């Protein structure tokens, strides 16, 4: 391994994450530490257009822990970002300033395009270009990015559907009522019509690649993992039939029952159905028989940008 460690931080709508890594002699990313905490920074942002004070403090507290881990690892360079929730919030700049003070580095406000490009780079770095072009679907808490390309992004669209946003807008019952689920999927499909119109190359992609917590959780539930195992979920091939089956199971259970599904983290249980609405809608719309699950995503793209 070569060079001092670097760190990438993502302050997302649903979770706050850090990746500490260094570059290897072969150009590979050598992971030293990777952490994810569900902080729900974007709770209520869709309705209030402002970050909640308690959510901000939860996130800053997690960032303080990340800063200690970075210090322990000898990190010299950091790239930190805020995404959908911060973009939508009137007080987003205040959060970015407070987070920068904790992290000790500027926290960038990534546009949907920037977010998508970084996620594409992270997800496709270890894929065979011969299997492309790829359609990368990054399902976040507040937005979902669709990026198409083979070795570089050739086009991308960011739309305002995500696991937190759909849950807060439509899924108010426990378990969700059929009409609530139908509304969430219908809104997602309407956005997908826009994606296909604005980015026709999405129809030509040979491989659908899915990123972020919704996708990896559905894979973990399908595998029945009693504990999170990145090695098992990374590059797992999730069939459409399996995704639909997990969706039906989770959507018809009350939260109190849903949390007992192996592979489902309790803190994600109240928004996973909203995320599933995006996932199954995308697989239906693009007529994908399977999706390649990737644990490498925006964080990996941010870390790689520090090693260039």
Protein backbone atom coordinates (compact mmCIF):
# COMPACT_ATOMS: atom_id res chain seq x y z
CA UNK A 1 0.00 0.00 0.00
CA UNK A 2 1.20 3.51 -0.79
CA UNK A 3 0.51 7.01 0.46
CA UNK A 4 -1.20 8.42 3.51
CA UNK A 5 -4.84 7.48 4.13
CA UNK A 6 -7.64 9.67 2.77
CA UNK A 7 -11.25 9.91 3.91
CA UNK A 8 -14.57 10.45 2.17
CA UNK A 9 -17.71 11.51 4.05
CA UNK A 10 -21.28 11.54 2.78
CA UNK A 11 -23.95 13.41 4.76
CA UNK A 12 -26.98 11.88 3.09
CA UNK A 13 -30.70 12.31 3.61
CA UNK A 14 -31.01 9.02 5.50
CA UNK A 15 -27.50 8.06 6.59
CA UNK A 16 -24.11 9.56 7.34
CA UNK A 17 -21.11 7.56 6.13
CA UNK A 18 -17.33 7.60 6.08
CA UNK A 19 -14.74 5.65 4.09
CA UNK A 20 -11.09 5.72 5.14
CA UNK A 21 -8.82 4.26 2.48
CA UNK A 22 -5.46 4.49 0.76
CA UNK A 23 -4.30 3.81 -2.76
CA UNK A 24 -2.63 0.51 -3.57
CA UNK A 25 0.27 0.08 -5.99
CA UNK A 26 -2.12 -1.36 -8.59
CA UNK A 27 -4.43 1.67 -8.40
CA UNK A 28 -7.03 -0.19 -6.33
CA UNK A 29 -8.73 1.44 -3.37
CA UNK A 30 -7.51 -0.21 -0.16
CA UNK A 31 -10.30 0.12 2.40
CA UNK A 32 -9.17 0.71 5.99
CA UNK A 33 -12.47 1.62 7.65
CA UNK A 34 -16.05 2.08 6.45
CA UNK A 35 -18.89 3.17 8.71
CA UNK A 36 -22.57 4.01 8.25
CA UNK A 37 -24.98 5.46 10.80
CA UNK A 38 -28.62 6.22 10.04
CA UNK A 39 -29.05 9.81 11.24
CA UNK A 40 -32.11 10.80 9.14
CA UNK A 41 -30.70 14.28 8.44
CA UNK A 42 -33.48 14.83 5.91
CA UNK A 43 -36.39 14.05 8.24
CA UNK A 44 -39.24 16.41 7.36
CA UNK A 45 -37.23 18.41 4.83
CA UNK A 46 -39.64 17.64 2.00
CA UNK A 47 -42.47 19.36 3.91
CA UNK A 48 -40.61 22.04 5.87
CA UNK A 49 -37.76 22.84 3.48
CA UNK A 50 -35.49 23.10 6.50
CA UNK A 51 -33.24 20.73 8.42
CA UNK A 52 -34.55 19.77 11.85
CA UNK A 53 -32.33 20.84 14.75
CA UNK A 54 -32.35 17.41 16.37
CA UNK A 55 -31.43 15.74 13.07
CA UNK A 56 -28.57 18.19 12.58
CA UNK A 57 -27.21 17.49 16.07
CA UNK A 58 -27.46 13.70 15.51
CA UNK A 59 -25.47 14.07 12.33
CA UNK A 60 -22.84 16.37 13.85
CA UNK A 61 -22.38 13.94 16.73
CA UNK A 62 -21.70 11.11 14.27
CA UNK A 63 -19.26 13.35 12.38
CA UNK A 64 -17.37 13.94 15.62
CA UNK A 65 -16.90 10.18 15.91
CA UNK A 66 -15.76 10.01 12.29
CA UNK A 67 -13.22 12.79 12.96
CA UNK A 68 -11.73 10.76 15.82
CA UNK A 69 -11.49 7.70 13.56
CA UNK A 70 -9.77 9.75 10.87
CA UNK A 71 -7.28 11.12 13.38
CA UNK A 72 -6.54 7.62 14.65
CA UNK A 73 -5.92 6.44 11.07
CA UNK A 74 -3.61 9.35 10.23
CA UNK A 75 -5.86 10.75 7.51
CA UNK A 76 -4.30 13.73 5.73
CA UNK A 77 -6.89 14.59 3.09
CA UNK A 78 -10.69 14.62 3.41
CA UNK A 79 -13.49 15.11 0.92
CA UNK A 80 -16.91 15.56 2.51
CA UNK A 81 -20.27 16.17 0.86
CA UNK A 82 -23.89 16.99 1.52
CA UNK A 83 -26.53 15.81 -0.93
CA UNK A 84 -30.31 15.92 -1.45
CA UNK A 85 -31.57 16.98 1.99
CA UNK A 86 -29.01 19.76 2.27
CA UNK A 87 -29.78 20.94 -1.27
CA UNK A 88 -33.47 21.22 -0.41
CA UNK A 89 -33.09 22.94 2.97
CA UNK A 90 -33.20 26.71 3.45
CA UNK A 91 -30.75 26.30 6.33
CA UNK A 92 -28.45 23.96 4.44
CA UNK A 93 -25.56 26.46 4.47
CA UNK A 94 -25.69 26.60 8.26
CA UNK A 95 -25.37 22.84 8.44
CA UNK A 96 -22.47 22.80 5.97
CA UNK A 97 -20.60 25.38 8.07
CA UNK A 98 -21.17 23.47 11.31
CA UNK A 99 -20.17 20.16 9.68
CA UNK A 100 -17.01 21.71 8.23
CA UNK A 101 -15.98 22.88 11.69
CA UNK A 102 -16.38 19.34 13.05
CA UNK A 103 -14.73 17.58 10.12
CA UNK A 104 -11.91 20.08 9.72
CA UNK A 105 -12.48 20.44 5.99
CA UNK A 106 -14.95 22.07 3.64
CA UNK A 107 -18.17 20.12 3.19
CA UNK A 108 -19.24 20.42 -0.43
CA UNK A 109 -22.85 20.69 -1.52
CA UNK A 110 -22.95 18.25 -4.41
CA UNK A 111 -25.44 18.79 -7.21
CA UNK A 112 -27.42 15.78 -8.39
CA UNK A 113 -25.11 15.61 -11.42
CA UNK A 114 -21.95 15.71 -9.29
CA UNK A 115 -23.39 13.08 -6.97
CA UNK A 116 -24.23 10.83 -9.90
CA UNK A 117 -20.81 11.13 -11.51
CA UNK A 118 -19.02 10.28 -8.29
CA UNK A 119 -21.35 7.32 -7.66
CA UNK A 120 -20.82 6.02 -11.21
CA UNK A 121 -17.05 6.18 -10.82
CA UNK A 122 -17.15 4.30 -7.54
CA UNK A 123 -19.56 1.63 -8.77
CA UNK A 124 -17.94 0.84 -12.11
CA UNK A 125 -14.23 1.02 -11.22
CA UNK A 126 -13.99 -2.75 -10.80
CA UNK A 127 -16.49 -3.77 -13.50
CA UNK A 128 -15.48 -5.17 -16.90
CA UNK A 129 -16.21 -2.54 -19.59
CA UNK A 130 -17.14 -5.40 -21.90
CA UNK A 131 -20.27 -5.88 -19.79
CA UNK A 132 -21.38 -2.27 -20.42
CA UNK A 133 -22.90 0.07 -21.07
CA UNK A 134 -24.13 0.25 -17.48
CA UNK A 135 -27.19 1.98 -16.06
CA UNK A 136 -26.28 2.88 -12.48
CA UNK A 137 -29.25 3.55 -10.19
CA UNK A 138 -28.30 5.26 -6.91
CA UNK A 139 -31.35 5.25 -4.61
CA UNK A 140 -30.91 7.81 -1.86
CA UNK A 141 -33.15 9.19 0.84
CA UNK A 142 -34.32 12.25 -1.06
CA UNK A 143 -33.26 11.66 -4.66
CA UNK A 144 -32.29 8.93 -7.07
CA UNK A 145 -29.60 9.30 -9.72
CA UNK A 146 -29.67 7.44 -13.04
CA UNK A 147 -26.29 7.40 -14.78
CA UNK A 148 -25.49 5.63 -18.03
CA UNK A 149 -22.06 4.89 -19.49
CA UNK A 150 -19.32 2.31 -19.81
CA UNK A 151 -16.03 3.66 -18.46
CA UNK A 152 -17.22 7.24 -17.97
CA UNK A 153 -20.69 8.75 -17.39
CA UNK A 154 -22.22 9.53 -20.76
CA UNK A 155 -25.39 11.01 -19.32
CA UNK A 156 -27.23 11.31 -16.04
CA UNK A 157 -30.50 12.48 -14.54
CA UNK A 158 -31.32 13.11 -10.88
CA UNK A 159 -34.97 12.89 -9.80
CA UNK A 160 -36.67 13.75 -6.51
CA UNK A 161 -37.72 10.29 -5.38
CA UNK A 162 -36.04 8.41 -2.56
CA UNK A 163 -36.80 6.19 0.42
CA UNK A 164 -37.38 9.03 2.88
CA UNK A 165 -39.17 11.39 0.49
CA UNK A 166 -41.65 8.75 -0.74
CA UNK A 167 -42.29 7.50 2.80
CA UNK A 168 -43.05 10.97 4.12
CA UNK A 169 -45.23 11.88 1.13
CA UNK A 170 -47.24 8.72 0.64
CA UNK A 171 -46.68 5.84 3.08
CA UNK A 172 -48.54 6.98 6.19
CA UNK A 173 -50.16 3.70 7.30
CA UNK A 174 -48.52 0.77 9.09
CA UNK A 175 -48.34 -1.31 7.01
CA UNK A 176 -48.86 0.93 3.96
CA UNK A 177 -52.26 0.70 2.30
CA UNK A 178 -52.36 -0.57 -1.31
CA UNK A 179 -53.42 2.86 -2.57
CA UNK A 180 -50.42 4.44 -0.80
CA UNK A 181 -48.04 2.00 -2.43
CA UNK A 182 -49.70 2.54 -5.80
CA UNK A 183 -49.29 6.31 -5.46
CA UNK A 184 -45.59 6.01 -4.57
CA UNK A 185 -44.88 3.71 -7.49
CA UNK A 186 -46.94 5.81 -9.91
CA UNK A 187 -45.03 8.97 -9.01
CA UNK A 188 -41.75 7.10 -9.47
CA UNK A 189 -42.81 5.76 -12.86
CA UNK A 190 -43.75 9.29 -13.95
CA UNK A 191 -40.23 10.42 -13.08
CA UNK A 192 -38.82 7.43 -14.97
CA UNK A 193 -40.70 8.55 -18.08
CA UNK A 194 -38.75 11.80 -17.78
CA UNK A 195 -35.49 9.90 -17.31
CA UNK A 196 -36.01 7.83 -20.44
CA UNK A 197 -37.04 10.89 -22.45
CA UNK A 198 -34.08 12.99 -21.31
CA UNK A 199 -31.61 10.12 -21.43
CA UNK A 200 -32.58 7.68 -24.23
CA UNK A 201 -29.34 5.74 -23.75
CA UNK A 202 -30.83 4.24 -20.59
CA UNK A 203 -32.83 1.94 -22.83
CA UNK A 204 -29.64 0.60 -24.42
CA UNK A 205 -27.82 -0.31 -21.21
CA UNK A 206 -26.82 -3.96 -20.90
CA UNK A 207 -26.45 -4.08 -17.12
CA UNK A 208 -28.47 -2.41 -14.37
CA UNK A 209 -26.29 -1.62 -11.33
CA UNK A 210 -27.93 -0.70 -8.02
CA UNK A 211 -26.36 1.34 -5.23
CA UNK A 212 -26.99 2.47 -1.67
CA UNK A 213 -28.84 1.24 1.40
CA UNK A 214 -32.17 0.25 -0.14
CA UNK A 215 -30.50 -1.98 -2.72
CA UNK A 216 -28.01 -3.60 -0.36
CA UNK A 217 -30.74 -4.15 2.25
CA UNK A 218 -33.05 -5.88 -0.24
CA UNK A 219 -30.12 -8.09 -1.25
CA UNK A 220 -29.37 -8.88 2.41
CA UNK A 221 -33.02 -9.76 3.06
CA UNK A 222 -33.11 -11.98 -0.02
CA UNK A 223 -29.93 -13.71 1.19
CA UNK A 224 -31.33 -13.97 4.73
CA UNK A 225 -28.15 -12.56 6.26
CA UNK A 226 -28.32 -12.54 10.07
CA UNK A 227 -25.54 -9.93 10.11
CA UNK A 228 -24.39 -7.40 7.53
CA UNK A 229 -21.79 -8.98 5.24
CA UNK A 230 -20.44 -6.68 2.54
CA UNK A 231 -18.62 -9.55 0.86
CA UNK A 232 -21.91 -11.40 0.35
CA UNK A 233 -23.93 -8.48 -0.98
CA UNK A 234 -21.26 -6.83 -3.19
CA UNK A 235 -21.90 -7.92 -6.79
CA UNK A 236 -24.81 -10.12 -5.76
CA UNK A 237 -27.18 -10.54 -8.69
CA UNK A 238 -30.66 -9.62 -7.49
CA UNK A 239 -33.33 -10.93 -9.83
CA UNK A 240 -36.45 -8.92 -10.50
CA UNK A 241 -38.56 -11.78 -9.15
CA UNK A 242 -36.59 -11.74 -5.89
CA UNK A 243 -36.85 -7.94 -5.57
CA UNK A 244 -40.61 -8.13 -6.09
CA UNK A 245 -40.88 -10.91 -3.51
CA UNK A 246 -38.94 -8.94 -0.88
CA UNK A 247 -41.06 -5.87 -1.65
CA UNK A 248 -44.31 -7.81 -1.16
CA UNK A 249 -43.07 -9.24 2.12
CA UNK A 250 -41.88 -5.94 3.60
CA UNK A 251 -44.80 -3.87 2.31
CA UNK A 252 -47.44 -6.13 3.83
CA UNK A 253 -45.88 -6.30 7.29
CA UNK A 254 -46.26 -3.78 10.09
CA UNK A 255 -42.99 -2.27 11.22
CA UNK A 256 -43.06 -4.35 14.43
CA UNK A 257 -43.01 -7.52 12.31
CA UNK A 258 -40.83 -6.17 9.50
CA UNK A 259 -37.85 -5.65 11.79
CA UNK A 260 -37.55 -9.40 12.31
CA UNK A 261 -36.53 -10.01 8.68
CA UNK A 262 -32.87 -11.12 8.62
CA UNK A 263 -30.84 -8.54 6.72
CA UNK A 264 -33.01 -5.54 7.64
CA UNK A 265 -31.47 -3.03 10.02
CA UNK A 266 -34.11 -1.82 12.46
CA UNK A 267 -33.28 1.86 11.89
CA UNK A 268 -34.08 1.42 8.18
CA UNK A 269 -37.36 -0.43 8.71
CA UNK A 270 -39.64 2.60 8.46
CA UNK A 271 -38.27 3.78 5.07
CA UNK A 272 -37.29 0.53 3.34
CA UNK A 273 -40.71 0.12 1.71
CA UNK A 274 -40.39 3.58 0.16
CA UNK A 275 -37.00 2.60 -1.18
CA UNK A 276 -38.43 -0.66 -2.53
CA UNK A 277 -41.01 1.36 -4.47
CA UNK A 278 -38.17 3.06 -6.34
CA UNK A 279 -36.27 -0.19 -6.85
CA UNK A 280 -39.12 -2.28 -8.22
CA UNK A 281 -40.44 0.61 -10.32
CA UNK A 282 -37.00 0.98 -11.94
CA UNK A 283 -36.67 -2.75 -12.63
CA UNK A 284 -40.16 -2.86 -14.10
CA UNK A 285 -39.72 0.28 -16.20
CA UNK A 286 -36.38 -0.76 -17.69
CA UNK A 287 -37.54 -4.38 -18.03
CA UNK A 288 -34.48 -5.59 -16.14
CA UNK A 289 -34.40 -9.30 -15.33
CA UNK A 290 -31.70 -8.70 -12.73
CA UNK A 291 -29.70 -5.98 -11.01
CA UNK A 292 -26.05 -6.11 -10.02
CA UNK A 293 -25.74 -4.94 -6.40
CA UNK A 294 -22.73 -2.71 -5.76
CA UNK A 295 -21.40 -1.79 -2.33
CA UNK A 296 -18.99 0.63 -4.03
CA UNK A 297 -20.69 3.97 -4.61
CA UNK A 298 -20.44 7.72 -3.98
CA UNK A 299 -18.03 7.27 -1.06
CA UNK A 300 -15.64 5.26 -3.21
CA UNK A 301 -15.88 7.86 -5.96
CA UNK A 302 -15.07 10.66 -3.51
CA UNK A 303 -12.13 8.71 -2.08
CA UNK A 304 -10.77 7.92 -5.54
CA UNK A 305 -10.89 11.61 -6.46
CA UNK A 306 -8.37 12.27 -3.66
CA UNK A 307 -5.95 9.70 -5.04
CA UNK A 308 -5.78 11.06 -8.59
